[in-house]
Amino acid sequence: MEIKRGDIVLCVIAGDYGKPRPALVIQSDLFNAAHPSVTLLPITSYRIQTPLFRIPLKGNKANGLKQPSQVMVDKITAVRRDRIRQRIGKVSPAMLTKIEESLLRFLGFESR
């Protein structure tokens, strides 16, 4: 399965008891073909008020989410490719930029 940065996939993340969860692919496309794992940001429908590192997403046909959710920027993780079940959608370029900015801030890489 071909996946790209900005795609939303269903995958099994360690510690989630085998429950498939949506996640956003944030790994550079340069590494997608050759690297054995994929770097992701998990997505949850359990929403909390932490706008700096939980980015809201509305569920829609384009992203494949069925309900309002949040990208968990604070839970960056990598999974083996065989744990990715399917691609369900994609975020818009504007939303991907917003998430990237939040990730840079969370990791301490924001411009000073």
Protein backbone atom coordinates (compact mmCIF):
# COMPACT_ATOMS: atom_id res chain seq x y z
CA MET A 1 0.00 0.00 0.00
CA GLU A 2 1.36 3.40 -0.93
CA ILE A 3 1.08 6.02 1.78
CA LYS A 4 2.16 9.64 1.80
CA ARG A 5 2.74 12.42 4.30
CA GLY A 6 -0.66 13.87 5.20
CA ASP A 7 -2.54 10.58 4.74
CA ILE A 8 -4.79 9.29 7.49
CA VAL A 9 -4.45 5.55 8.00
CA LEU A 10 -6.00 2.94 10.26
CA CYS A 11 -3.29 1.13 12.21
CA VAL A 12 -2.58 -0.82 15.36
CA ILE A 13 -0.37 1.14 17.74
CA ALA A 14 1.47 -0.60 20.58
CA GLY A 15 -0.39 -0.24 23.87
CA ASP A 16 -3.81 0.16 22.25
CA TYR A 17 -4.69 -3.51 22.86
CA GLY A 18 -4.84 -4.30 19.17
CA LYS A 19 -7.59 -1.76 18.52
CA PRO A 20 -7.17 -0.11 15.11
CA ARG A 21 -6.88 3.66 15.45
CA PRO A 22 -6.70 6.44 12.87
CA ALA A 23 -3.34 8.18 12.63
CA LEU A 24 -1.74 10.88 10.50
CA VAL A 25 1.38 10.01 8.50
CA ILE A 26 4.02 12.69 9.20
CA GLN A 27 7.11 10.88 7.91
CA SER A 28 8.75 12.42 4.85
CA ASP A 29 7.79 10.78 1.56
CA LEU A 30 11.53 10.34 0.89
CA PHE A 31 11.56 7.47 3.40
CA ASN A 32 8.21 5.83 2.68
CA ALA A 33 9.41 3.27 0.14
CA ALA A 34 12.53 2.03 1.91
CA HIS A 35 11.98 2.44 5.63
CA PRO A 36 10.44 -0.51 7.54
CA SER A 37 8.38 1.72 9.85
CA VAL A 38 6.13 4.74 9.45
CA THR A 39 6.11 7.77 11.77
CA LEU A 40 2.60 8.80 12.82
CA LEU A 41 0.54 11.07 15.03
CA PRO A 42 -2.39 9.15 16.55
CA ILE A 43 -5.90 10.58 16.23
CA THR A 44 -8.54 10.35 18.96
CA SER A 45 -12.23 11.17 19.20
CA TYR A 46 -11.76 11.87 22.93
CA ARG A 47 -11.27 15.63 22.83
CA ILE A 48 -9.55 17.74 25.47
CA GLN A 49 -8.83 21.48 25.60
CA THR A 50 -5.11 21.63 24.83
CA PRO A 51 -4.90 23.65 21.60
CA LEU A 52 -1.10 23.75 21.47
CA PHE A 53 -0.70 20.01 20.96
CA ARG A 54 -4.13 18.56 20.20
CA ILE A 55 -5.24 19.81 16.80
CA PRO A 56 -8.97 19.47 16.05
CA LEU A 57 -10.19 17.74 12.90
CA LYS A 58 -13.79 17.63 11.73
CA GLY A 59 -14.90 14.27 10.46
CA ASN A 60 -15.57 14.40 6.71
CA LYS A 61 -15.35 12.40 3.51
CA ALA A 62 -11.90 13.77 2.59
CA ASN A 63 -10.18 12.70 5.81
CA GLY A 64 -12.25 9.55 6.37
CA LEU A 65 -13.04 10.36 10.00
CA LYS A 66 -16.60 9.69 11.12
CA GLN A 67 -16.66 12.16 14.03
CA PRO A 68 -14.87 15.24 15.36
CA SER A 69 -11.40 14.22 16.52
CA GLN A 70 -7.99 15.54 17.53
CA VAL A 71 -4.52 14.86 16.17
CA MET A 72 -2.36 14.02 19.20
CA VAL A 73 0.85 15.90 18.42
CA ASP A 74 2.19 14.94 21.86
CA LYS A 75 1.97 11.20 21.07
CA ILE A 76 4.32 10.90 18.06
CA THR A 77 5.07 7.24 17.37
CA ALA A 78 6.37 4.83 14.75
CA VAL A 79 4.78 1.55 13.70
CA ARG A 80 5.86 -1.30 11.46
CA ARG A 81 4.34 -1.11 8.00
CA ASP A 82 2.44 -4.36 8.54
CA ARG A 83 0.46 -2.68 11.34
CA ILE A 84 -1.12 -0.25 8.88
CA ARG A 85 -4.48 -1.66 7.80
CA GLN A 86 -5.69 0.87 5.24
CA ARG A 87 -5.60 4.46 4.07
CA ILE A 88 -8.89 6.17 4.93
CA GLY A 89 -8.28 9.77 3.87
CA LYS A 90 -6.03 12.77 3.88
CA VAL A 91 -5.75 16.18 5.57
CA SER A 92 -5.70 19.39 3.55
CA PRO A 93 -2.37 21.13 2.89
CA ALA A 94 -3.46 23.99 5.21
CA MET A 95 -4.28 21.54 8.02
CA LEU A 96 -0.99 19.68 7.52
CA THR A 97 0.88 22.99 7.87
CA LYS A 98 -0.99 23.77 11.10
CA ILE A 99 -0.11 20.31 12.49
CA GLU A 100 3.54 20.67 11.42
CA GLU A 101 3.77 24.02 13.23
CA SER A 102 2.34 22.46 16.38
CA LEU A 103 4.77 19.52 16.11
CA LEU A 104 7.75 21.86 15.72
CA ARG A 105 6.61 23.80 18.80
CA PHE A 106 6.08 20.60 20.81
CA LEU A 107 9.56 19.30 19.92
CA GLY A 108 11.20 22.67 20.60
CA PHE A 109 12.18 23.29 16.95
CA GLU A 110 10.10 26.42 16.38
CA SER A 111 11.95 29.45 15.06
CA ARG A 112 13.17 31.81 17.73
